[in-house]
Amino acid sequence: IFPNPTHSSKDVQIQFPINRLGTYSVMLSDVSGRRIEEKSIEFNDIQNLGNMHLMQLQVKSLAAGTYFLSISLDGQRMTEQLIIVP
């Protein structure tokens, strides 16, 4: 996640490796576990394996605070903290 911490006036870039083919779930939640946003991204082409995926996340509507970004596939999850400053 870059930049992190960030201001709500900027978009955040998320980069993650494509280690396996399938449908990746990208979810942003607040500290109470409430889902703010969720996207599904499907990778089913063998040429995607080993590459990094880069996506933008708009955070303009988020209040200052701590959030969690989770990327999951087939029950495996990676979670990182995102901090929005005033």
N, C-alpha and C. Protein backbone atom coordinates (compact mmCIF):
# COMPACT_ATOMS: atom_id res chain seq x y z
N ILE A 1 0.86 -1.17 0.00
CA ILE A 1 0.00 0.00 0.00
C ILE A 1 0.91 1.23 0.00
N PHE A 2 0.67 2.10 -0.96
CA PHE A 2 1.48 3.30 -1.06
C PHE A 2 0.63 4.46 -1.54
N PRO A 3 0.71 5.62 -1.01
CA PRO A 3 1.43 5.97 0.22
C PRO A 3 0.65 5.52 1.45
N ASN A 4 1.35 5.28 2.51
CA ASN A 4 0.73 4.83 3.76
C ASN A 4 1.65 5.25 4.92
N PRO A 5 1.19 6.17 5.77
CA PRO A 5 -0.13 6.81 5.84
C PRO A 5 -0.35 7.76 4.65
N THR A 6 -1.62 8.09 4.45
CA THR A 6 -1.99 8.97 3.35
C THR A 6 -3.10 9.92 3.78
N HIS A 7 -3.31 10.92 2.96
CA HIS A 7 -4.44 11.84 3.16
C HIS A 7 -5.61 11.35 2.32
N SER A 8 -6.81 11.65 2.75
CA SER A 8 -7.98 11.19 2.00
C SER A 8 -8.12 11.88 0.65
N SER A 9 -7.29 12.88 0.38
CA SER A 9 -7.34 13.56 -0.91
C SER A 9 -6.54 12.81 -1.99
N LYS A 10 -5.83 11.77 -1.62
CA LYS A 10 -5.00 11.03 -2.57
C LYS A 10 -5.52 9.61 -2.77
N ASP A 11 -5.27 9.07 -3.96
CA ASP A 11 -5.56 7.66 -4.20
C ASP A 11 -4.41 6.83 -3.65
N VAL A 12 -4.70 5.60 -3.31
CA VAL A 12 -3.70 4.68 -2.78
C VAL A 12 -3.43 3.62 -3.84
N GLN A 13 -2.18 3.24 -3.98
CA GLN A 13 -1.81 2.16 -4.89
C GLN A 13 -1.61 0.88 -4.09
N ILE A 14 -2.16 -0.19 -4.62
CA ILE A 14 -2.05 -1.50 -3.99
C ILE A 14 -1.35 -2.42 -4.99
N GLN A 15 -0.33 -3.11 -4.53
CA GLN A 15 0.40 -4.02 -5.40
C GLN A 15 0.51 -5.36 -4.69
N PHE A 16 0.19 -6.43 -5.43
CA PHE A 16 0.32 -7.76 -4.84
C PHE A 16 0.72 -8.78 -5.90
N PRO A 17 1.39 -9.85 -5.48
CA PRO A 17 1.85 -10.87 -6.43
C PRO A 17 0.72 -11.81 -6.82
N ILE A 18 0.77 -12.27 -8.05
CA ILE A 18 -0.17 -13.29 -8.51
C ILE A 18 0.57 -14.62 -8.44
N ASN A 19 0.40 -15.30 -7.32
CA ASN A 19 1.10 -16.56 -7.08
C ASN A 19 0.33 -17.77 -7.59
N ARG A 20 -0.99 -17.62 -7.69
CA ARG A 20 -1.84 -18.72 -8.17
C ARG A 20 -2.95 -18.13 -9.01
N LEU A 21 -3.49 -18.94 -9.90
CA LEU A 21 -4.63 -18.50 -10.70
C LEU A 21 -5.90 -18.65 -9.88
N GLY A 22 -6.87 -17.78 -10.15
CA GLY A 22 -8.14 -17.83 -9.44
C GLY A 22 -8.70 -16.43 -9.25
N THR A 23 -9.73 -16.36 -8.43
CA THR A 23 -10.40 -15.09 -8.16
C THR A 23 -9.92 -14.54 -6.82
N TYR A 24 -9.25 -13.41 -6.87
CA TYR A 24 -8.74 -12.74 -5.69
C TYR A 24 -9.81 -11.78 -5.18
N SER A 25 -10.00 -11.74 -3.89
CA SER A 25 -10.92 -10.79 -3.26
C SER A 25 -10.09 -9.72 -2.55
N VAL A 26 -10.38 -8.46 -2.87
CA VAL A 26 -9.70 -7.33 -2.25
C VAL A 26 -10.74 -6.59 -1.43
N MET A 27 -10.55 -6.54 -0.09
CA MET A 27 -11.55 -5.96 0.79
C MET A 27 -10.92 -4.91 1.71
N LEU A 28 -11.59 -3.79 1.82
CA LEU A 28 -11.20 -2.73 2.74
C LEU A 28 -12.22 -2.69 3.86
N SER A 29 -11.75 -2.73 5.11
CA SER A 29 -12.66 -2.69 6.26
C SER A 29 -12.13 -1.70 7.29
N ASP A 30 -13.04 -1.27 8.17
CA ASP A 30 -12.62 -0.37 9.25
C ASP A 30 -12.23 -1.19 10.47
N VAL A 31 -11.85 -0.53 11.55
CA VAL A 31 -11.36 -1.25 12.73
C VAL A 31 -12.42 -2.11 13.40
N SER A 32 -13.70 -1.82 13.15
CA SER A 32 -14.76 -2.64 13.73
C SER A 32 -15.10 -3.84 12.86
N GLY A 33 -14.43 -3.96 11.69
CA GLY A 33 -14.69 -5.09 10.80
C GLY A 33 -15.73 -4.81 9.73
N ARG A 34 -16.29 -3.62 9.72
CA ARG A 34 -17.32 -3.28 8.72
C ARG A 34 -16.66 -3.13 7.36
N ARG A 35 -17.25 -3.80 6.37
CA ARG A 35 -16.71 -3.74 5.01
C ARG A 35 -17.02 -2.39 4.39
N ILE A 36 -15.98 -1.74 3.92
CA ILE A 36 -16.11 -0.45 3.26
C ILE A 36 -16.25 -0.65 1.76
N GLU A 37 -15.40 -1.53 1.22
CA GLU A 37 -15.38 -1.79 -0.21
C GLU A 37 -14.84 -3.19 -0.45
N GLU A 38 -15.35 -3.85 -1.48
CA GLU A 38 -14.85 -5.17 -1.83
C GLU A 38 -14.89 -5.34 -3.34
N LYS A 39 -13.81 -5.88 -3.89
CA LYS A 39 -13.71 -6.12 -5.33
C LYS A 39 -13.20 -7.53 -5.54
N SER A 40 -13.64 -8.14 -6.63
CA SER A 40 -13.11 -9.43 -7.04
C SER A 40 -12.35 -9.25 -8.34
N ILE A 41 -11.18 -9.85 -8.42
CA ILE A 41 -10.35 -9.76 -9.61
C ILE A 41 -9.96 -11.18 -10.00
N GLU A 42 -10.28 -11.55 -11.24
CA GLU A 42 -10.01 -12.91 -11.69
C GLU A 42 -8.75 -12.96 -12.55
N PHE A 43 -7.89 -13.91 -12.21
CA PHE A 43 -6.69 -14.18 -12.98
C PHE A 43 -6.75 -15.64 -13.38
N ASN A 44 -6.97 -15.90 -14.68
CA ASN A 44 -7.07 -17.29 -15.13
C ASN A 44 -6.15 -17.58 -16.31
N ASP A 45 -5.27 -16.63 -16.63
CA ASP A 45 -4.31 -16.81 -17.72
C ASP A 45 -2.96 -17.16 -17.12
N ILE A 46 -2.37 -18.23 -17.57
CA ILE A 46 -1.09 -18.70 -17.04
C ILE A 46 0.00 -17.63 -17.15
N GLN A 47 -0.15 -16.71 -18.11
CA GLN A 47 0.83 -15.65 -18.28
C GLN A 47 0.82 -14.66 -17.10
N ASN A 48 -0.25 -14.65 -16.30
CA ASN A 48 -0.32 -13.78 -15.13
C ASN A 48 0.54 -14.28 -13.96
N LEU A 49 0.81 -15.58 -13.93
CA LEU A 49 1.55 -16.16 -12.81
C LEU A 49 2.93 -15.52 -12.67
N GLY A 50 3.27 -15.18 -11.44
CA GLY A 50 4.56 -14.59 -11.13
C GLY A 50 4.62 -13.09 -11.32
N ASN A 51 3.58 -12.50 -11.89
CA ASN A 51 3.54 -11.06 -12.09
C ASN A 51 2.99 -10.35 -10.86
N MET A 52 3.21 -9.06 -10.81
CA MET A 52 2.63 -8.23 -9.76
C MET A 52 1.41 -7.51 -10.35
N HIS A 53 0.36 -7.41 -9.56
CA HIS A 53 -0.83 -6.68 -10.00
C HIS A 53 -0.87 -5.35 -9.25
N LEU A 54 -1.11 -4.27 -9.99
CA LEU A 54 -1.17 -2.94 -9.41
C LEU A 54 -2.57 -2.39 -9.62
N MET A 55 -3.18 -1.89 -8.55
CA MET A 55 -4.51 -1.30 -8.66
C MET A 55 -4.58 -0.03 -7.82
N GLN A 56 -5.53 0.83 -8.14
CA GLN A 56 -5.75 2.09 -7.42
C GLN A 56 -6.97 1.93 -6.51
N LEU A 57 -6.91 2.54 -5.36
CA LEU A 57 -8.02 2.56 -4.42
C LEU A 57 -8.30 4.01 -4.06
N GLN A 58 -9.52 4.46 -4.33
CA GLN A 58 -9.89 5.83 -3.97
C GLN A 58 -10.30 5.86 -2.51
N VAL A 59 -9.72 6.79 -1.77
CA VAL A 59 -10.00 6.89 -0.33
C VAL A 59 -10.61 8.24 0.02
N LYS A 60 -11.09 8.97 -0.99
CA LYS A 60 -11.63 10.31 -0.77
C LYS A 60 -12.82 10.34 0.19
N SER A 61 -13.59 9.29 0.22
CA SER A 61 -14.78 9.27 1.08
C SER A 61 -14.50 8.77 2.49
N LEU A 62 -13.25 8.41 2.78
CA LEU A 62 -12.91 7.85 4.09
C LEU A 62 -12.53 8.93 5.09
N ALA A 63 -13.02 8.77 6.31
CA ALA A 63 -12.63 9.65 7.40
C ALA A 63 -11.23 9.27 7.88
N ALA A 64 -10.56 10.19 8.54
CA ALA A 64 -9.25 9.88 9.11
C ALA A 64 -9.41 8.71 10.08
N GLY A 65 -8.44 7.79 10.05
CA GLY A 65 -8.49 6.64 10.95
C GLY A 65 -7.69 5.48 10.41
N THR A 66 -7.87 4.33 11.03
CA THR A 66 -7.16 3.11 10.68
C THR A 66 -8.11 2.17 9.95
N TYR A 67 -7.64 1.60 8.87
CA TYR A 67 -8.40 0.66 8.06
C TYR A 67 -7.54 -0.56 7.77
N PHE A 68 -8.17 -1.62 7.30
CA PHE A 68 -7.44 -2.85 6.97
C PHE A 68 -7.78 -3.26 5.55
N LEU A 69 -6.76 -3.58 4.78
CA LEU A 69 -6.92 -4.05 3.42
C LEU A 69 -6.53 -5.51 3.39
N SER A 70 -7.47 -6.35 2.97
CA SER A 70 -7.22 -7.79 2.91
C SER A 70 -7.32 -8.27 1.47
N ILE A 71 -6.40 -9.12 1.10
CA ILE A 71 -6.42 -9.77 -0.21
C ILE A 71 -6.46 -11.26 0.06
N SER A 72 -7.47 -11.94 -0.48
CA SER A 72 -7.61 -13.36 -0.20
C SER A 72 -7.86 -14.17 -1.46
N LEU A 73 -7.47 -15.44 -1.39
CA LEU A 73 -7.66 -16.40 -2.46
C LEU A 73 -7.71 -17.78 -1.83
N ASP A 74 -8.78 -18.51 -2.08
CA ASP A 74 -8.91 -19.90 -1.60
C ASP A 74 -8.64 -20.05 -0.11
N GLY A 75 -9.18 -19.15 0.69
CA GLY A 75 -9.04 -19.27 2.14
C GLY A 75 -7.76 -18.71 2.72
N GLN A 76 -6.82 -18.32 1.88
CA GLN A 76 -5.58 -17.69 2.37
C GLN A 76 -5.74 -16.19 2.28
N ARG A 77 -5.33 -15.48 3.33
CA ARG A 77 -5.54 -14.04 3.40
C ARG A 77 -4.27 -13.32 3.81
N MET A 78 -4.05 -12.17 3.17
CA MET A 78 -2.97 -11.27 3.54
C MET A 78 -3.64 -9.95 3.91
N THR A 79 -3.32 -9.40 5.08
CA THR A 79 -3.95 -8.17 5.54
C THR A 79 -2.88 -7.14 5.90
N GLU A 80 -3.11 -5.91 5.45
CA GLU A 80 -2.21 -4.80 5.79
C GLU A 80 -3.04 -3.64 6.32
N GLN A 81 -2.41 -2.87 7.17
CA GLN A 81 -3.06 -1.70 7.77
C GLN A 81 -2.89 -0.49 6.86
N LEU A 82 -3.96 0.31 6.74
CA LEU A 82 -3.94 1.56 5.99
C LEU A 82 -4.35 2.66 6.95
N ILE A 83 -3.55 3.72 7.01
CA ILE A 83 -3.85 4.84 7.91
C ILE A 83 -4.15 6.06 7.08
N ILE A 84 -5.32 6.66 7.34
CA ILE A 84 -5.74 7.90 6.70
C ILE A 84 -5.56 9.01 7.74
N VAL A 85 -4.79 10.03 7.38
CA VAL A 85 -4.56 11.15 8.30
C VAL A 85 -5.36 12.36 7.83
N PRO A 86 -5.69 13.26 8.77
CA PRO A 86 -6.49 14.44 8.38
C PRO A 86 -5.73 15.37 7.45
